[in-house]
Amino acid sequence: HRYQLIRNQPANAKTSSLIQYGALIKCLDRDGRYGVADLCPWPSLGDQTLEQELLNQGKLFQRAVELAKIDLEARKNKIKLIGDVSVQNHLLIQDYKTFDFKNRSENTIKIKGDSDYQTLAKCLNTSRSEKIRLDFNFCLKESKFRTFLKLLNPDILKKIETVEDPFPFELQSWTELNQIVCLSLDWSELQSAEAQSWPHTIAKPSRKHQDSFLYMTSSMDHPVGVAHGLVHAQKWPDRVHGFLTLSSYQSTEFHSAFEHSGTDLKYISDGYGIGFESILKNIIWEPWIDWSLNSENQLLINPKITPDE
């Protein structure tokens, strides 16, 4: 089921489009029972496009199938994957230039940074929040990031829990700067083997499974992807995660299943597995292959077949 989510504002420094393309993947067993998951690639951050992921059965496609099968087994055995435990979250600030740092004091905030690091530093130096997380999506050069750190007041620098993806990974410089502030990788699966062994990472359960991480976040994906992320995040209730991303998009029918109070997020399921039972029954699914239709979207799920075949 292909979808388009409409953003309320640009997602980050490298993504200008206000449309997020993705697909829900539905796996069925021989008895017609099903499970679903989300395939939500970010080409602007280095992923394959949605069409490439589907055609090549890429890593994100494989992860979606894996999660859909977990959902299928849970529905089959009448198990709800998401409990009643609220997940603690940081407040996500996508446009720091309009945020009132002086008069807002949420305990943990996460800010999407951009190349205007001087303005960001000025805003941060007025922050009253106890813990700060930054995410630059590799939009800075190393020299700019070093200058940015020097612009921060010492007490603000101490409040920064981590800086995600400040500039392209380079082991020596990252190791050096990690002594000043914790540097973490968010999109580590797209980086070199050297980068993938970096000890500080942010986990995105809808993209891949991780046992070691600082905290979990959504990948700013579909509500189905957020639901799968919450399944894992609830296992770590002592950490402050990052799943308050649904408001980044115009609301859909799927959004109604979520409730948040302050920075706590709950999912109210209407079925087994990850739920969404009533909504999933009413959406249109496109088969991977249907010989009765003449559609450019038909895909043969067979890794041994050649493009010509």
Protein backbone atom coordinates (compact mmCIF):
# COMPACT_ATOMS: atom_id res chain seq x y z
CA HIS A 1 0.00 0.00 0.00
CA ARG A 2 1.82 3.09 -1.27
CA TYR A 3 1.35 6.29 0.70
CA GLN A 4 2.37 9.92 0.73
CA LEU A 5 2.73 11.81 4.00
CA ILE A 6 2.58 15.61 3.80
CA ARG A 7 5.01 17.47 6.05
CA ASN A 8 4.11 20.64 7.88
CA GLN A 9 7.68 21.93 7.43
CA PRO A 10 11.04 20.68 6.08
CA ALA A 11 12.24 17.69 8.06
CA ASN A 12 15.93 18.53 8.31
CA ALA A 13 18.77 20.48 6.71
CA LYS A 14 19.06 18.01 3.81
CA THR A 15 15.41 17.37 3.01
CA SER A 16 13.54 20.15 1.24
CA SER A 17 10.58 18.13 -0.07
CA LEU A 18 7.36 18.29 1.94
CA ILE A 19 6.24 14.87 0.68
CA GLN A 20 7.41 11.61 2.25
CA TYR A 21 6.93 8.58 -0.02
CA GLY A 22 6.64 5.11 1.47
CA ALA A 23 4.72 1.85 1.45
CA LEU A 24 3.09 -0.40 3.97
CA ILE A 25 4.16 -4.01 3.46
CA LYS A 26 1.62 -6.75 4.19
CA CYS A 27 2.67 -10.38 4.56
CA LEU A 28 0.09 -13.18 4.52
CA ASP A 29 0.32 -16.82 5.51
CA ARG A 30 -1.47 -19.69 3.76
CA ASP A 31 -4.51 -19.25 5.98
CA GLY A 32 -4.92 -15.59 5.07
CA ARG A 33 -3.65 -14.20 8.35
CA TYR A 34 -1.51 -11.11 7.94
CA GLY A 35 1.01 -8.76 9.47
CA VAL A 36 2.10 -5.28 8.40
CA ALA A 37 5.12 -3.02 8.64
CA ASP A 38 6.38 0.22 7.15
CA LEU A 39 8.92 0.82 4.38
CA CYS A 40 9.93 4.48 4.61
CA PRO A 41 13.23 5.29 2.84
CA TRP A 42 14.98 8.66 3.01
CA PRO A 43 16.83 9.21 -0.31
CA SER A 44 17.84 12.70 0.84
CA LEU A 45 19.90 11.08 3.61
CA GLY A 46 21.44 8.33 1.47
CA ASP A 47 18.76 5.63 1.20
CA GLN A 48 17.60 4.08 -2.04
CA THR A 49 14.33 5.45 -3.38
CA LEU A 50 11.11 3.61 -2.61
CA GLU A 51 11.06 2.08 -6.10
CA GLN A 52 14.67 0.90 -5.77
CA GLU A 53 13.98 -0.63 -2.36
CA LEU A 54 11.01 -2.56 -3.76
CA LEU A 55 12.82 -3.72 -6.89
CA ASN A 56 16.07 -4.63 -5.14
CA GLN A 57 14.49 -5.91 -1.94
CA GLY A 58 16.94 -3.70 -0.04
CA LYS A 59 17.77 -3.65 3.65
CA LEU A 60 14.76 -1.55 4.56
CA PHE A 61 12.47 -3.83 2.56
CA GLN A 62 13.92 -6.86 4.34
CA ARG A 63 13.45 -5.21 7.74
CA ALA A 64 9.83 -4.38 6.87
CA VAL A 65 9.16 -8.01 5.94
CA GLU A 66 10.84 -9.15 9.18
CA LEU A 67 8.64 -6.86 11.29
CA ALA A 68 5.51 -7.76 9.31
CA LYS A 69 6.12 -11.44 10.07
CA ILE A 70 6.48 -10.64 13.78
CA ASP A 71 3.18 -8.77 13.59
CA LEU A 72 1.58 -11.71 11.75
CA GLU A 73 2.62 -14.19 14.45
CA ALA A 74 1.28 -11.90 17.17
CA ARG A 75 -2.08 -11.49 15.43
CA LYS A 76 -2.23 -15.23 14.81
CA ASN A 77 -1.68 -15.95 18.50
CA LYS A 78 -3.89 -13.06 19.71
CA ILE A 79 -1.03 -11.16 21.35
CA LYS A 80 -0.90 -7.38 21.61
CA LEU A 81 2.64 -6.21 20.95
CA ILE A 82 2.19 -2.78 22.52
CA GLY A 83 1.36 -2.56 26.22
CA ASP A 84 -0.07 0.25 28.32
CA VAL A 85 3.32 1.62 29.35
CA SER A 86 3.93 5.21 28.25
CA VAL A 87 7.18 5.89 26.42
CA GLN A 88 9.10 8.95 27.61
CA ASN A 89 10.26 11.22 24.78
CA HIS A 90 12.31 14.30 24.16
CA LEU A 91 10.61 17.32 22.63
CA LEU A 92 11.57 17.51 18.95
CA ILE A 93 12.36 21.03 17.72
CA GLN A 94 12.54 21.14 13.93
CA ASP A 95 12.60 24.94 13.63
CA TYR A 96 14.78 26.24 16.43
CA LYS A 97 14.57 29.82 15.14
CA THR A 98 10.92 30.07 16.16
CA PHE A 99 11.25 28.17 19.47
CA ASP A 100 11.15 30.16 22.72
CA PHE A 101 14.26 28.83 24.48
CA LYS A 102 14.07 31.45 27.24
CA ASN A 103 10.57 30.57 28.42
CA ARG A 104 10.33 26.85 27.65
CA SER A 105 12.00 24.37 29.98
CA GLU A 106 11.14 20.82 28.88
CA ASN A 107 13.56 18.45 30.57
CA THR A 108 14.98 16.95 27.36
CA ILE A 109 14.89 18.62 23.94
CA LYS A 110 16.24 17.51 20.58
CA ILE A 111 17.03 20.15 17.98
CA LYS A 112 17.42 19.71 14.25
CA GLY A 113 20.46 21.82 13.41
CA ASP A 114 21.46 23.39 10.11
CA SER A 115 24.41 25.21 8.56
CA ASP A 116 23.49 28.45 10.39
CA TYR A 117 25.41 27.25 13.44
CA GLN A 118 26.05 30.77 14.78
CA THR A 119 22.33 31.45 15.20
CA LEU A 120 21.84 28.00 16.71
CA ALA A 121 24.60 28.60 19.26
CA LYS A 122 23.04 31.95 20.19
CA CYS A 123 19.64 30.27 20.74
CA LEU A 124 21.13 27.41 22.75
CA ASN A 125 22.96 29.77 25.08
CA THR A 126 19.55 30.98 26.32
CA SER A 127 18.10 27.48 26.84
CA ARG A 128 16.61 26.53 30.21
CA SER A 129 16.24 22.80 29.42
CA GLU A 130 18.28 20.36 31.49
CA LYS A 131 19.30 18.05 28.65
CA ILE A 132 19.95 18.91 25.01
CA ARG A 133 20.31 16.63 22.00
CA LEU A 134 21.43 17.96 18.61
CA ASP A 135 21.14 16.43 15.15
CA PHE A 136 22.90 17.98 12.15
CA ASN A 137 22.35 15.20 9.56
CA PHE A 138 25.97 15.68 8.40
CA CYS A 139 25.25 19.22 7.17
CA LEU A 140 28.38 20.81 8.69
CA LYS A 141 32.05 20.69 7.85
CA GLU A 142 34.45 19.72 10.62
CA SER A 143 35.88 23.26 10.91
CA LYS A 144 32.38 24.75 11.26
CA PHE A 145 31.47 22.26 13.96
CA ARG A 146 34.61 23.08 15.94
CA THR A 147 33.71 26.77 15.74
CA PHE A 148 30.16 25.98 16.83
CA LEU A 149 31.39 24.25 20.00
CA LYS A 150 33.54 27.26 20.89
CA LEU A 151 30.49 29.54 20.64
CA LEU A 152 28.59 27.61 23.32
CA ASN A 153 28.63 28.70 26.95
CA PRO A 154 30.41 26.11 29.15
CA ASP A 155 27.25 25.40 31.17
CA ILE A 156 25.25 24.79 27.96
CA LEU A 157 27.96 22.51 26.58
CA LYS A 158 27.64 20.39 29.73
CA LYS A 159 23.90 19.99 29.11
CA ILE A 160 24.39 18.48 25.65
CA GLU A 161 23.83 14.73 25.92
CA THR A 162 24.92 13.99 22.37
CA VAL A 163 25.40 15.49 18.92
CA GLU A 164 24.18 13.24 16.11
CA ASP A 165 25.88 13.24 12.72
CA PRO A 166 27.62 16.64 13.00
CA PHE A 167 29.85 16.13 9.94
CA PRO A 168 30.85 13.12 7.79
CA PHE A 169 32.47 10.43 9.92
CA GLU A 170 36.25 10.41 10.21
CA LEU A 171 37.64 8.29 13.04
CA GLN A 172 40.49 10.50 14.23
CA SER A 173 38.56 13.77 14.39
CA TRP A 174 35.44 12.13 15.83
CA THR A 175 37.52 10.43 18.54
CA GLU A 176 39.16 13.74 19.45
CA LEU A 177 35.92 15.76 19.55
CA ASN A 178 34.15 12.99 21.44
CA GLN A 179 36.28 14.02 24.43
CA ILE A 180 34.49 17.39 24.39
CA VAL A 181 30.93 16.27 23.66
CA CYS A 182 29.42 12.84 22.95
CA LEU A 183 29.18 12.31 19.18
CA SER A 184 26.73 9.73 17.91
CA LEU A 185 25.80 8.16 14.59
CA ASP A 186 22.17 7.96 13.59
CA TRP A 187 22.38 6.52 10.06
CA SER A 188 25.27 4.19 10.83
CA GLU A 189 24.06 1.43 8.49
CA LEU A 190 24.80 3.73 5.56
CA GLN A 191 28.35 4.45 6.72
CA SER A 192 31.69 2.65 6.42
CA ALA A 193 32.54 -0.43 8.46
CA GLU A 194 34.75 1.79 10.62
CA ALA A 195 31.80 4.07 11.33
CA GLN A 196 29.49 1.15 12.07
CA SER A 197 31.77 0.17 14.97
CA TRP A 198 31.43 3.62 16.57
CA PRO A 199 30.22 3.04 20.17
CA HIS A 200 27.54 5.77 20.32
CA THR A 201 24.51 5.19 18.10
CA ILE A 202 20.85 6.11 17.93
CA ALA A 203 18.53 3.16 17.27
CA LYS A 204 15.68 3.23 14.78
CA PRO A 205 13.82 -0.08 15.30
CA SER A 206 11.83 0.25 12.07
CA ARG A 207 15.11 0.33 10.12
CA LYS A 208 17.17 -2.33 11.89
CA HIS A 209 17.52 -4.21 15.16
CA GLN A 210 20.11 -2.94 17.64
CA ASP A 211 21.08 -4.18 21.10
CA SER A 212 23.35 -1.26 22.00
CA PHE A 213 22.30 2.40 21.68
CA LEU A 214 21.90 5.70 23.52
CA TYR A 215 18.16 5.87 22.89
CA MET A 216 15.58 4.97 20.24
CA THR A 217 13.71 7.17 17.79
CA SER A 218 11.28 6.80 14.95
CA SER A 219 12.67 7.49 11.50
CA MET A 220 9.99 10.16 11.09
CA ASP A 221 7.99 7.48 9.32
CA HIS A 222 4.39 6.33 8.95
CA PRO A 223 2.34 5.67 12.12
CA VAL A 224 2.73 1.93 11.42
CA GLY A 225 6.51 2.40 11.61
CA VAL A 226 6.14 4.42 14.82
CA ALA A 227 4.02 1.62 16.31
CA HIS A 228 6.72 -0.97 15.56
CA GLY A 229 9.27 1.36 17.14
CA LEU A 230 7.19 1.65 20.32
CA VAL A 231 7.14 -2.15 20.63
CA HIS A 232 10.90 -1.99 21.18
CA ALA A 233 11.04 1.30 23.07
CA GLN A 234 8.68 0.00 25.75
CA LYS A 235 11.37 -2.50 26.68
CA TRP A 236 13.54 0.45 27.74
CA PRO A 237 11.19 2.58 29.87
CA ASP A 238 14.05 4.16 31.83
CA ARG A 239 15.37 6.00 28.76
CA VAL A 240 14.03 9.11 27.05
CA HIS A 241 13.34 8.24 23.43
CA GLY A 242 12.27 10.18 20.33
CA PHE A 243 8.88 9.14 18.97
CA LEU A 244 7.02 12.45 19.00
CA THR A 245 7.28 12.81 15.23
CA LEU A 246 3.72 12.15 14.07
CA SER A 247 2.80 15.83 14.36
CA SER A 248 5.45 16.56 11.73
CA TYR A 249 2.89 15.43 9.15
CA GLN A 250 -0.67 16.31 8.30
CA SER A 251 -2.93 13.95 10.21
CA THR A 252 -4.11 10.67 8.71
CA GLU A 253 -6.61 8.09 9.94
CA PHE A 254 -3.70 6.14 11.43
CA HIS A 255 -2.72 9.06 13.67
CA SER A 256 -5.88 8.69 15.76
CA ALA A 257 -4.48 5.60 17.49
CA PHE A 258 -1.85 7.62 19.38
CA GLU A 259 -2.24 9.69 22.52
CA HIS A 260 0.44 11.89 24.01
CA SER A 261 0.46 13.92 27.17
CA GLY A 262 3.37 16.32 27.38
CA THR A 263 6.25 14.19 26.15
CA ASP A 264 4.70 10.80 27.06
CA LEU A 265 3.31 8.75 24.17
CA LYS A 266 0.78 5.92 24.26
CA TYR A 267 -0.72 3.79 21.50
CA ILE A 268 -4.29 2.59 21.90
CA SER A 269 -4.63 -0.60 19.84
CA ASP A 270 -7.89 -1.88 18.40
CA GLY A 271 -6.54 -5.32 17.53
CA TYR A 272 -3.72 -7.79 18.07
CA GLY A 273 -0.11 -7.38 16.95
CA ILE A 274 0.47 -3.67 16.43
CA GLY A 275 -3.27 -3.14 15.90
CA PHE A 276 -4.81 -0.69 13.39
CA GLU A 277 -7.26 -3.53 12.68
CA SER A 278 -10.22 -1.46 11.50
CA ILE A 279 -8.11 0.90 9.37
CA LEU A 280 -6.07 -1.83 7.68
CA LYS A 281 -9.25 -3.60 6.56
CA ASN A 282 -10.37 -0.57 4.59
CA ILE A 283 -7.26 0.44 2.67
CA ILE A 284 -6.43 -0.73 -0.85
CA TRP A 285 -3.54 -3.18 -1.18
CA GLU A 286 -1.60 -3.63 -4.39
CA PRO A 287 -0.38 -7.19 -5.04
CA TRP A 288 3.28 -7.66 -5.88
CA ILE A 289 2.21 -9.58 -8.95
CA ASP A 290 -1.18 -9.97 -10.56
CA TRP A 291 -1.17 -11.38 -14.09
CA SER A 292 -4.72 -10.11 -14.72
CA LEU A 293 -3.60 -6.47 -14.57
CA ASN A 294 -1.34 -4.48 -16.85
CA SER A 295 0.47 -2.35 -14.29
CA GLU A 296 3.96 -0.89 -14.27
CA ASN A 297 3.97 -1.40 -10.51
CA GLN A 298 3.88 -5.19 -10.65
CA LEU A 299 7.02 -6.69 -9.16
CA LEU A 300 8.31 -10.22 -9.29
CA ILE A 301 9.59 -11.20 -5.87
CA ASN A 302 12.20 -13.65 -7.08
CA PRO A 303 15.90 -12.82 -6.53
CA LYS A 304 17.01 -15.33 -9.19
CA ILE A 305 15.11 -13.80 -12.06
CA THR A 306 16.88 -11.44 -14.46
CA PRO A 307 15.58 -7.93 -15.31
CA ASP A 308 14.79 -9.06 -18.88
CA GLU A 309 12.82 -12.06 -17.65
